[in-house]
Protein backbone atom coordinates (compact mmCIF):
# COMPACT_ATOMS: atom_id res chain seq x y z
CA UNK A 1 105.27 172.05 130.36
CA UNK A 2 102.80 170.25 128.17
CA UNK A 3 99.34 169.30 129.33
CA UNK A 4 98.58 165.68 130.11
CA UNK A 5 96.30 164.02 127.58
CA UNK A 6 92.74 163.46 128.64
CA UNK A 7 92.34 160.17 130.48
CA UNK A 8 88.91 158.71 131.18
CA UNK A 9 88.09 158.77 134.87
CA UNK A 10 87.64 155.49 136.68
CA UNK A 11 84.18 154.80 138.05
CA UNK A 12 83.87 153.09 141.41
CA UNK A 13 80.76 151.27 140.25
CA UNK A 14 82.13 150.38 136.80
CA UNK A 15 81.51 146.84 135.56
CA UNK A 16 84.82 144.90 135.47
CA UNK A 17 85.97 144.59 131.89
CA UNK A 18 86.45 140.82 132.20
CA UNK A 19 82.73 140.34 132.94
CA UNK A 20 81.35 142.50 130.16
CA UNK A 21 80.97 139.61 127.81
CA UNK A 22 78.01 138.55 129.96
CA UNK A 23 76.09 141.63 128.88
CA UNK A 24 74.69 139.81 125.86
CA UNK A 25 73.31 136.84 127.76
CA UNK A 26 70.77 138.54 130.04
CA UNK A 27 70.50 135.38 132.11
CA UNK A 28 68.02 135.46 134.98
CA UNK A 29 69.76 135.37 138.33
CA UNK A 30 66.96 135.19 140.90
CA UNK A 31 66.95 132.45 143.53
CA UNK A 32 63.50 131.47 142.32
CA UNK A 33 64.82 130.89 138.82
CA UNK A 34 67.77 128.86 140.09
CA UNK A 35 65.47 126.65 142.12
CA UNK A 36 63.10 126.17 139.21
CA UNK A 37 65.69 125.40 136.49
CA UNK A 38 67.56 122.89 138.64
CA UNK A 39 64.47 120.88 139.52
CA UNK A 40 61.91 118.76 137.74
CA UNK A 41 64.27 116.73 135.57
CA UNK A 42 63.88 113.06 134.86
CA UNK A 43 66.62 110.47 135.16
CA UNK A 44 69.30 110.63 132.48
CA UNK A 45 69.35 107.88 129.90
CA UNK A 46 72.10 105.34 130.54
CA UNK A 47 74.71 105.63 127.77
CA UNK A 48 75.29 101.85 127.89
CA UNK A 49 78.90 102.24 126.87
CA UNK A 50 81.23 99.34 126.19
CA UNK A 51 85.00 99.28 125.93
CA UNK A 52 86.14 101.09 122.82
CA UNK A 53 87.84 99.16 120.00
CA UNK A 54 91.11 100.99 120.65
CA UNK A 55 91.30 100.01 124.34
CA UNK A 56 93.48 96.87 123.99
CA UNK A 57 95.88 98.74 121.73
CA UNK A 58 96.16 101.81 123.94
CA UNK A 59 97.00 99.59 126.92
CA UNK A 60 99.94 98.17 124.99
CA UNK A 61 101.06 101.67 123.95
CA UNK A 62 101.03 102.87 127.57
CA UNK A 63 103.04 99.81 128.62
CA UNK A 64 105.68 100.61 125.99
CA UNK A 65 105.97 104.18 127.28
CA UNK A 66 106.14 102.93 130.85
CA UNK A 67 109.15 100.79 130.00
CA UNK A 68 111.07 103.87 128.86
CA UNK A 69 110.46 105.97 131.98
CA UNK A 70 110.64 103.74 135.08
CA UNK A 71 110.10 105.60 138.32
CA UNK A 72 108.91 108.82 136.66
CA UNK A 73 105.42 110.33 136.72
CA UNK A 74 104.32 111.08 133.15
CA UNK A 75 101.76 113.81 132.51
CA UNK A 76 100.00 113.84 129.12
CA UNK A 77 97.39 116.61 128.82
CA UNK A 78 94.58 116.57 126.29
CA UNK A 79 94.83 120.33 125.97
CA UNK A 80 92.11 122.92 126.30
CA UNK A 81 89.88 125.04 124.14
CA UNK A 82 91.51 127.57 121.81
CA UNK A 83 89.75 130.86 121.26
CA UNK A 84 88.65 131.59 117.71
CA UNK A 85 87.27 135.06 118.41
CA UNK A 86 86.20 136.74 121.64
CA UNK A 87 84.17 134.06 123.47
CA UNK A 88 83.90 131.62 120.56
CA UNK A 89 86.20 128.61 120.58
CA UNK A 90 87.49 126.40 117.82
CA UNK A 91 86.11 122.86 117.96
CA UNK A 92 88.17 121.00 120.52
CA UNK A 93 90.66 118.39 119.35
CA UNK A 94 92.83 116.59 121.91
CA UNK A 95 96.60 116.50 121.57
CA UNK A 96 97.64 113.53 119.47
CA UNK A 97 99.77 111.92 122.19
CA UNK A 98 96.76 111.98 124.53
CA UNK A 99 94.50 110.51 121.84
CA UNK A 100 97.07 107.81 121.05
CA UNK A 101 97.37 106.67 124.68
CA UNK A 102 93.66 106.86 125.56
CA UNK A 103 91.74 106.21 122.34
CA UNK A 104 89.64 109.31 122.98
CA UNK A 105 89.01 111.60 120.05
CA UNK A 106 85.81 113.55 120.58
CA UNK A 107 85.02 116.97 121.97
CA UNK A 108 84.19 115.70 125.46
CA UNK A 109 87.65 115.77 127.05
CA UNK A 110 89.00 119.35 127.06
CA UNK A 111 91.27 119.89 130.08
CA UNK A 112 91.58 116.14 130.72
CA UNK A 113 94.99 114.84 131.74
CA UNK A 114 96.35 111.29 131.52
CA UNK A 115 98.90 110.55 134.22
CA UNK A 116 101.07 107.44 134.38
CA UNK A 117 101.94 107.04 138.05
CA UNK A 118 105.09 105.03 138.83
CA UNK A 119 104.57 101.91 140.96
CA UNK A 120 106.70 98.99 142.06
CA UNK A 121 108.31 97.10 139.20
CA UNK A 122 105.77 94.91 137.41
CA UNK A 123 102.88 95.84 139.70
CA UNK A 124 101.24 98.35 137.37
CA UNK A 125 98.74 98.02 134.56
CA UNK A 126 99.25 94.80 132.58
CA UNK A 127 102.46 94.11 134.48
CA UNK A 128 104.01 97.47 133.63
CA UNK A 129 105.76 99.86 135.99
CA UNK A 130 102.99 102.48 135.92
CA UNK A 131 99.34 102.84 136.81
CA UNK A 132 97.35 105.04 134.44
CA UNK A 133 94.73 107.45 135.76
CA UNK A 134 92.66 109.75 133.58
CA UNK A 135 91.78 113.02 135.34
CA UNK A 136 88.63 114.38 133.82
CA UNK A 137 85.97 117.06 134.23
CA UNK A 138 82.87 114.84 134.63
CA UNK A 139 79.21 115.51 134.10
CA UNK A 140 77.94 118.16 136.53
CA UNK A 141 74.72 117.59 138.43
CA UNK A 142 71.60 119.43 137.34
CA UNK A 143 71.50 121.13 140.70
CA UNK A 144 74.69 123.05 139.86
CA UNK A 145 75.07 126.42 138.15
CA UNK A 146 77.41 124.83 135.62
CA UNK A 147 74.42 122.86 134.30
CA UNK A 148 72.62 125.93 132.98
CA UNK A 149 75.02 128.90 133.14
CA UNK A 150 78.43 127.73 131.89
CA UNK A 151 78.47 128.24 128.11
CA UNK A 152 81.76 126.36 127.73
CA UNK A 153 81.08 123.24 129.78
CA UNK A 154 77.43 123.32 130.87
CA UNK A 155 75.05 120.61 129.75
CA UNK A 156 72.38 123.10 128.74
CA UNK A 157 74.85 124.76 126.35
CA UNK A 158 77.05 122.00 124.93
CA UNK A 159 75.32 118.77 125.89
CA UNK A 160 75.89 116.23 128.62
CA UNK A 161 79.45 115.25 129.40
CA UNK A 162 80.24 111.61 130.17
CA UNK A 163 80.62 110.54 133.78
CA UNK A 164 83.84 109.22 135.27
CA UNK A 165 82.37 105.72 135.07
CA UNK A 166 81.52 106.23 131.39
CA UNK A 167 85.09 107.18 130.53
CA UNK A 168 86.53 104.33 132.57
CA UNK A 169 84.33 101.86 130.70
CA UNK A 170 85.15 103.34 127.30
CA UNK A 171 88.93 103.54 127.75
CA UNK A 172 89.70 100.82 130.28
CA UNK A 173 91.61 103.44 132.32
CA UNK A 174 90.99 104.39 135.94
CA UNK A 175 89.39 107.82 136.23
CA UNK A 176 89.43 110.58 138.82
CA UNK A 177 88.00 114.07 139.06
CA UNK A 178 90.14 116.80 137.55
CA UNK A 179 90.04 118.58 140.92
CA UNK A 180 92.25 115.80 142.32
CA UNK A 181 95.00 116.34 139.78
CA UNK A 182 97.21 118.78 141.69
CA UNK A 183 97.51 116.63 144.79
CA UNK A 184 98.14 113.52 142.68
CA UNK A 185 100.94 115.18 140.74
CA UNK A 186 102.71 116.32 143.87
CA UNK A 187 102.70 112.99 145.67
CA UNK A 188 106.22 111.83 146.59
CA UNK A 189 107.87 114.41 144.33
CA UNK A 190 111.17 115.62 145.72
CA UNK A 191 114.93 115.49 145.52
CA UNK A 192 115.01 111.78 146.32
CA UNK A 193 111.52 110.90 145.14
CA UNK A 194 109.53 110.78 141.93
CA UNK A 195 110.51 112.86 138.92
CA UNK A 196 107.65 114.66 137.20
CA UNK A 197 107.55 114.96 133.39
CA UNK A 198 104.94 116.74 131.28
CA UNK A 199 104.41 116.91 127.51
CA UNK A 200 105.32 120.54 126.79
CA UNK A 201 103.29 123.04 124.82
CA UNK A 202 99.89 121.42 125.31
CA UNK A 203 98.20 122.96 128.36
CA UNK A 204 99.76 126.02 130.01
CA UNK A 205 97.75 125.61 133.22
CA UNK A 206 98.89 122.01 133.70
CA UNK A 207 102.49 122.95 132.90
CA UNK A 208 102.33 125.74 135.48
CA UNK A 209 101.19 123.31 138.15
CA UNK A 210 103.96 120.88 137.24
CA UNK A 211 106.59 123.63 137.32
CA UNK A 212 105.39 124.82 140.71
CA UNK A 213 105.52 121.32 142.18
CA UNK A 214 108.95 120.44 140.89
CA UNK A 215 110.60 123.87 141.09
CA UNK A 216 112.84 122.82 143.95
CA UNK A 217 114.03 119.54 142.48
CA UNK A 218 114.54 119.80 138.72
CA UNK A 219 114.06 122.02 135.68
CA UNK A 220 112.06 119.59 133.63
CA UNK A 221 114.79 119.00 131.08
CA UNK A 222 113.40 115.53 130.41
CA UNK A 223 110.04 116.85 129.22
CA UNK A 224 111.36 117.00 125.66
CA UNK A 225 112.39 113.33 125.94
CA UNK A 226 108.82 112.42 126.85
CA UNK A 227 107.44 114.30 123.84
CA UNK A 228 110.06 112.61 121.66
CA UNK A 229 109.22 109.14 122.96
CA UNK A 230 105.49 109.63 122.45
CA UNK A 231 106.12 110.81 118.90
CA UNK A 232 108.41 107.89 118.07
CA UNK A 233 105.83 105.49 119.54
CA UNK A 234 103.65 106.29 116.51
CA UNK A 235 106.28 105.55 113.84
CA UNK A 236 104.99 101.98 113.47
CA UNK A 237 101.21 101.65 113.38
CA UNK A 238 99.36 98.79 115.07
CA UNK A 239 96.44 96.90 113.52
CA UNK A 240 93.81 99.29 114.89
CA UNK A 241 95.63 102.30 113.50
CA UNK A 242 96.02 100.71 110.08
CA UNK A 243 92.29 99.94 109.98
CA UNK A 244 91.49 103.55 110.85
CA UNK A 245 93.87 104.80 108.17
CA UNK A 246 92.23 102.55 105.58
CA UNK A 247 88.87 104.02 106.54
CA UNK A 248 90.19 107.58 106.30
CA UNK A 249 91.76 106.97 102.89
CA UNK A 250 88.72 105.18 101.48
CA UNK A 251 86.40 108.00 102.51
CA UNK A 252 88.85 110.53 101.10
CA UNK A 253 88.66 108.76 97.74
CA UNK A 254 84.87 109.10 97.85
CA UNK A 255 85.35 112.80 98.53
CA UNK A 256 87.57 113.19 95.45
CA UNK A 257 84.88 111.61 93.30
CA UNK A 258 82.39 114.17 94.61
CA UNK A 259 84.87 116.93 93.74
CA UNK A 260 85.15 115.68 90.15
CA UNK A 261 81.36 115.59 89.81
CA UNK A 262 81.09 119.17 91.07
CA UNK A 263 83.71 120.64 88.72
CA UNK A 264 81.03 122.03 86.35
CA UNK A 265 79.57 123.95 89.30
CA UNK A 266 83.06 125.16 90.24
CA UNK A 267 83.65 126.41 86.70
CA UNK A 268 80.52 128.55 86.88
CA UNK A 269 81.39 130.11 90.25
CA UNK A 270 83.40 133.29 90.77
CA UNK A 271 85.25 131.42 93.51
CA UNK A 272 85.24 127.93 92.10
CA UNK A 273 88.08 126.79 94.35
CA UNK A 274 85.69 127.30 97.28
CA UNK A 275 83.20 124.98 95.61
CA UNK A 276 85.86 122.27 95.59
CA UNK A 277 86.83 122.98 99.19
CA UNK A 278 83.19 123.01 100.29
CA UNK A 279 82.33 119.78 98.51
CA UNK A 280 85.13 117.92 100.24
CA UNK A 281 84.50 119.60 103.59
CA UNK A 282 80.83 118.64 103.59
CA UNK A 283 81.73 115.04 102.81
CA UNK A 284 84.35 115.01 105.59
CA UNK A 285 81.80 116.16 108.16
CA UNK A 286 79.23 113.62 107.00
CA UNK A 287 81.56 110.63 106.75
CA UNK A 288 84.05 111.47 109.51
CA UNK A 289 85.02 114.07 112.07
CA UNK A 290 86.24 116.82 109.73
CA UNK A 291 89.05 117.52 107.29
CA UNK A 292 92.44 116.48 108.64
CA UNK A 293 93.97 119.81 107.54
CA UNK A 294 92.94 122.82 105.46
CA UNK A 295 92.05 121.63 101.99
CA UNK A 296 94.20 122.92 99.12
CA UNK A 297 92.08 123.60 96.03
CA UNK A 298 94.57 125.29 93.74
CA UNK A 299 93.54 125.97 90.16
CA UNK A 300 95.85 127.24 87.44
CA UNK A 301 98.75 129.34 88.72
CA UNK A 302 97.64 128.81 92.32
CA UNK A 303 98.87 125.21 92.05
CA UNK A 304 102.44 126.54 92.10
CA UNK A 305 101.92 127.77 95.68
CA UNK A 306 102.58 124.71 97.81
CA UNK A 307 100.13 125.45 100.62
CA UNK A 308 97.48 127.45 98.79
CA UNK A 309 94.51 127.38 101.20
CA UNK A 310 92.87 130.73 100.46
CA UNK A 311 90.91 128.91 97.74
CA UNK A 312 89.27 132.03 96.34
CA UNK A 313 90.21 131.61 92.68
CA UNK A 314 88.32 130.76 89.54
CA UNK A 315 88.37 127.31 87.97
CA UNK A 316 88.94 127.51 84.21
CA UNK A 317 88.54 124.81 81.56
CA UNK A 318 91.86 123.97 79.93
CA UNK A 319 93.81 124.40 83.19
CA UNK A 320 94.68 122.00 85.99
CA UNK A 321 93.43 122.01 89.56
CA UNK A 322 95.63 120.56 92.30
CA UNK A 323 93.54 119.22 95.18
CA UNK A 324 95.32 118.18 98.38
CA UNK A 325 92.74 116.89 100.87
CA UNK A 326 92.33 114.35 103.63
CA UNK A 327 89.37 113.18 105.68
CA UNK A 328 89.87 112.77 109.43
CA UNK A 329 87.76 109.94 110.86
CA UNK A 330 86.17 110.09 114.31
CA UNK A 331 89.24 108.46 115.87
CA UNK A 332 91.27 111.43 114.49
CA UNK A 333 93.38 109.46 112.00
CA UNK A 334 93.67 111.40 108.76
CA UNK A 335 94.36 110.63 105.14
CA UNK A 336 96.49 112.95 102.99
CA UNK A 337 95.93 112.57 99.26
CA UNK A 338 96.66 114.83 96.28
CA UNK A 339 95.48 114.59 92.72
CA UNK A 340 96.03 117.09 89.94
CA UNK A 341 93.02 117.05 87.63
CA UNK A 342 92.41 118.52 84.18
CA UNK A 343 89.45 120.80 84.82
CA UNK A 344 87.68 119.92 81.57
CA UNK A 345 88.61 116.23 81.87
CA UNK A 346 91.48 116.05 79.36
CA UNK A 347 95.20 116.82 79.74
CA UNK A 348 96.94 118.96 77.15
CA UNK A 349 100.21 117.62 75.74
CA UNK A 350 102.30 119.91 77.96
CA UNK A 351 100.24 119.13 81.06
CA UNK A 352 100.56 115.41 80.36
CA UNK A 353 104.34 115.71 79.91
CA UNK A 354 104.78 117.38 83.30
CA UNK A 355 102.25 115.09 84.99
CA UNK A 356 103.98 111.98 83.65
CA UNK A 357 107.34 113.15 84.99
CA UNK A 358 105.83 113.50 88.45
CA UNK A 359 104.12 110.13 88.18
CA UNK A 360 107.37 108.45 87.17
CA UNK A 361 109.08 110.02 90.19
CA UNK A 362 106.32 108.71 92.44
CA UNK A 363 106.64 105.22 90.98
CA UNK A 364 110.39 105.28 91.63
CA UNK A 365 109.70 106.28 95.24
CA UNK A 366 107.27 103.37 95.62
CA UNK A 367 109.95 101.00 94.36
CA UNK A 368 112.31 102.29 97.07
CA UNK A 369 109.76 102.11 99.92
CA UNK A 370 110.52 98.57 101.07
CA UNK A 371 111.53 97.05 104.41
CA UNK A 372 115.21 97.54 105.17
CA UNK A 373 115.56 100.74 103.14
CA UNK A 374 115.98 104.08 104.87
CA UNK A 375 113.21 106.64 104.88
CA UNK A 376 115.42 109.15 103.08
CA UNK A 377 115.92 106.64 100.22
CA UNK A 378 112.31 107.21 99.15
CA UNK A 379 112.98 110.90 98.55
CA UNK A 380 116.29 110.20 96.81
CA UNK A 381 114.63 107.83 94.34
CA UNK A 382 112.04 110.43 93.39
CA UNK A 383 114.65 113.15 93.02
CA UNK A 384 116.74 111.09 90.60
CA UNK A 385 113.76 110.96 88.25
CA UNK A 386 112.86 114.64 88.69
CA UNK A 387 116.44 115.74 88.03
CA UNK A 388 116.77 113.46 85.00
CA UNK A 389 113.53 114.72 83.47
CA UNK A 390 114.43 118.37 84.03
CA UNK A 391 117.81 117.60 82.47
CA UNK A 392 116.11 116.09 79.43
CA UNK A 393 114.09 119.28 79.08
CA UNK A 394 117.23 121.41 79.23
CA UNK A 395 116.20 123.30 82.37
CA UNK A 396 119.18 122.54 84.62
CA UNK A 397 122.17 124.94 84.70
CA UNK A 398 124.52 121.97 84.78
CA UNK A 399 124.44 118.20 84.42
CA UNK A 400 122.00 115.89 86.16
CA UNK A 401 124.88 114.54 88.26
CA UNK A 402 125.86 118.06 89.35
CA UNK A 403 122.27 118.78 90.30
CA UNK A 404 121.94 115.61 92.39
CA UNK A 405 125.15 116.44 94.26
CA UNK A 406 124.35 117.94 97.69
CA UNK A 407 126.25 121.07 96.62
CA UNK A 408 124.06 121.47 93.54
CA UNK A 409 120.37 120.63 93.98
CA UNK A 410 119.31 122.82 91.05
CA UNK A 411 116.29 120.61 90.37
CA UNK A 412 114.88 121.56 93.77
CA UNK A 413 113.99 125.00 92.37
CA UNK A 414 110.88 123.29 91.00
CA UNK A 415 110.24 121.00 93.97
CA UNK A 416 111.40 122.51 97.23
CA UNK A 417 109.44 120.18 99.52
CA UNK A 418 110.24 116.64 100.58
CA UNK A 419 108.76 113.56 98.98
CA UNK A 420 107.38 111.88 102.10
CA UNK A 421 106.23 112.41 105.67
CA UNK A 422 104.78 110.05 108.25
CA UNK A 423 101.00 110.07 108.56
CA UNK A 424 98.50 109.11 111.24
CA UNK A 425 96.89 111.09 114.05
CA UNK A 426 98.69 114.15 112.69
CA UNK A 427 98.92 114.87 109.00
CA UNK A 428 102.64 115.35 109.62
CA UNK A 429 102.87 112.60 112.20
CA UNK A 430 105.77 111.75 114.51
CA UNK A 431 107.19 115.26 114.07
CA UNK A 432 109.18 115.18 117.34
CA UNK A 433 110.99 111.97 116.44
CA UNK A 434 114.78 112.05 116.24
CA UNK A 435 116.39 112.27 112.81
CA UNK A 436 117.95 108.84 113.26
CA UNK A 437 114.46 107.43 113.79
CA UNK A 438 112.78 109.47 111.05
CA UNK A 439 114.98 110.56 108.14
CA UNK A 440 117.55 107.84 108.74
CA UNK A 441 115.07 105.36 110.13
CA UNK A 442 114.90 101.86 108.66
CA UNK A 443 111.57 101.18 106.95
CA UNK A 444 109.64 98.63 108.96
CA UNK A 445 106.30 96.90 108.29
CA UNK A 446 103.59 99.05 109.83
CA UNK A 447 105.15 102.39 108.91
CA UNK A 448 102.72 104.59 107.05
CA UNK A 449 103.68 107.69 105.11
CA UNK A 450 102.99 109.72 102.00
CA UNK A 451 104.73 109.68 98.65
CA UNK A 452 104.15 113.06 97.00
CA UNK A 453 106.59 114.38 94.41
CA UNK A 454 105.66 117.43 92.38
CA UNK A 455 106.78 120.03 89.85
CA UNK A 456 105.80 123.69 90.12
CA UNK A 457 106.51 126.20 87.37
CA UNK A 458 105.50 129.68 88.43
CA UNK A 459 104.06 132.00 85.81
CA UNK A 460 106.94 134.46 86.14
CA UNK A 461 109.73 131.86 86.04
CA UNK A 462 111.86 132.97 83.12
CA UNK A 463 114.10 129.89 83.34
CA UNK A 464 111.43 127.60 81.87
CA UNK A 465 109.62 127.57 78.52
CA UNK A 466 106.56 129.80 78.42
CA UNK A 467 104.28 126.80 77.85
CA UNK A 468 105.32 125.38 81.26
CA UNK A 469 104.64 128.56 83.21
CA UNK A 470 101.68 128.56 85.58
CA UNK A 471 101.49 124.75 85.80
CA UNK A 472 101.78 122.94 89.11
CA UNK A 473 101.44 119.17 89.51
CA UNK A 474 101.56 116.99 92.62
CA UNK A 475 100.53 113.36 93.01
CA UNK A 476 100.27 112.11 96.58
CA UNK A 477 99.42 108.67 97.89
CA UNK A 478 99.32 107.09 101.34
CA UNK A 479 101.66 104.12 101.63
CA UNK A 480 101.83 101.28 104.13
CA UNK A 481 105.09 99.34 104.43
CA UNK A 482 104.39 95.59 104.48
CA UNK A 483 106.57 92.53 104.95
CA UNK A 484 106.50 91.99 101.17
CA UNK A 485 107.11 95.62 100.16
CA UNK A 486 104.40 98.24 100.36
CA UNK A 487 100.71 98.83 99.75
CA UNK A 488 99.28 101.96 98.19
CA UNK A 489 96.23 102.58 100.36
CA UNK A 490 94.94 105.22 97.93
CA UNK A 491 95.46 103.13 94.77
CA UNK A 492 91.72 103.11 94.03
CA UNK A 493 91.99 106.78 93.10
CA UNK A 494 93.40 106.86 89.52
CA UNK A 495 96.97 108.06 89.07
CA UNK A 496 97.93 107.46 85.42
CA UNK A 497 96.82 110.33 83.18
CA UNK A 498 94.75 108.12 80.87
CA UNK A 499 93.03 106.54 83.88
CA UNK A 500 92.31 109.96 85.36
CA UNK A 501 90.66 111.03 82.11
CA UNK A 502 88.46 107.92 81.96
CA UNK A 503 87.52 108.27 85.63
CA UNK A 504 86.57 111.92 85.19
CA UNK A 505 84.59 111.22 82.01
CA UNK A 506 82.58 108.58 83.87
CA UNK A 507 81.83 110.90 86.78
CA UNK A 508 81.00 113.92 84.64
CA UNK A 509 78.50 111.96 82.56
CA UNK A 510 76.73 110.16 85.45
């Protein structure tokens, strides 16, 4: 019989492990301290809020959702904090469906939940079949422990939260305390009563409450339909959204100019890609909320890795740097733009040849991105050019026609990603939409998406000439479908190789 391994003995007076994170704070706990810190404060300054510019548009969006789910209670959580490490959280960002239906986009609404309560036909908000209520954790009084001791929500730690009245004014939505949520969700739910739907995968605690309430009457199979509907609601942007996207794209263009100016600094750094990333990130925080996604600053061979975000490489004259970056404005709408720049300001002949092929593919995609076409037609147009150019270079194992056949697709070795994706609150927006609404969807004025063909020749690809190896090129623009055709929102950022060279020369000599 072997001996049992040594096991530490339990101590009756041991501090619970879940409370040991408080050891660092050394907060005073005396009654005298509590009395003193919760007294002697002046009146808070009135925020003097007005209705937000998105409010009229969000009311229309909620009405459109209401029409799809008559008689059902719809639960749209903002989400909660996500832990970065130990007791440090990532900056809070609400779920995009919540932001789209409320117009809220700051860090003040973690744990909030928008609920569309079913009412008699036509008696709801703006004549809809639902009444919206925003359940929110409001500002705590200064007499409470939350005020000074709660490092996640307390005013002393993270600043004052808005009141229920503040949020109601800002959004135009009725508000209620988050503590009232459970009772409100359970009202009239039953086998013959209201069905309860929740956007899945956003807030586990809210989902658990919903599941407990409806356990006896359904399995929530329609939750996915709610997520789908909210995603498809964003396929066509309204005027407010288009304005926000213009702002995001314009500020992104400014960020690219700052990148070009800082290329000499990047060249001198051991991790020059980080210089590029940092330059754009600083601009995004100054001009907007943040970056819309992790910036790709891929120099040389790194440009052949599609989502290179480590950004720890050197930046060498004579090579290219592929920069894929987008600024997210305060309303959370994000641009998504890519330019491939010659690091020393001038393309080599080989670089120009590859770049021009990608540009021609992008131009063909623009020509296809018109009302009445299908979304997938944009990709097909770009691929015809890519395949033809690779055929001209003798890189395909068969004919161009054989490559374009669905059973061939040889050209995709050098461009495995798609040409376009919808763009908006998410960099890959409308991701839960059905294929017939997305890939096979008919292009409609107000749709907004990217056009981003590329060619990527890895340094160890023995199927291509040695001079091509280690070169990656992508050109990405943000495109709005209009009644007349389309508008390139990012057109102010040069695309043609000769224009890129002139633009860079101007910036590098300022």
